[in-house]
């Protein structure tokens, strides 16, 4: 069986294992998603979801957030970590949205990346989850799991991983594959002590095969 067929089987099994895969962050529109993803840097989605209701109640759109000062935002988002920088970036981002885009989140990757606090991963999340684009964001789970199981091979950076995944995953599956890989990395293919015995894709996994290779005589 060649690698292309193995990748197809891996994706089919991930789809079976995680039929309800969806974004873990709570949002009602592209602006709320953009804010939530900025807050999620080095923070769990659970913690972000705990603070965003109060944040969105106080600042429901870019125009409202643009009028705030970072010091007003900090107490609301303090539990998300890195709150000084995040508060500054949120306000600057909202001001840019208001001035350059009429308060609307642009459905354009390059335009998103031009905003304060928005990197490639954040832009990809917004493009795929808010606008349905065929894009995949590479976080720590996606990076680790895709390299382990063989959807990528020895990719050294998130960008290398992203570009390889784009070659190995059908475009229409890229957004949901992002969530499959996150869930698999969170609950099965964990960073430490991966649960290979419980893994539905171990039979096709590159790392599992290497770890269980029969010793030479």
Foldseek 3Di string as FASTA:
>chain_A
DDPLVLLVVVVVVLCVVCVPQDDLADDDALQLLLLLVLLQVVFDSVLSNVLSVVVCVQPVFLVRLLPDDLVVVQVSSVVSPPSSQSSRQSNQQSVCCCPPPVRDDDLDLVVQCVGRSDHNLSSQLSNCRRVNFLFAHDDPQQVVQCCFQPCDDPDDDRVSSRVSNPVSPPSNCRSRVNRSSNVCCVPAVDPPPGNLVPDPSLVRTPNSCVVPPDDDD
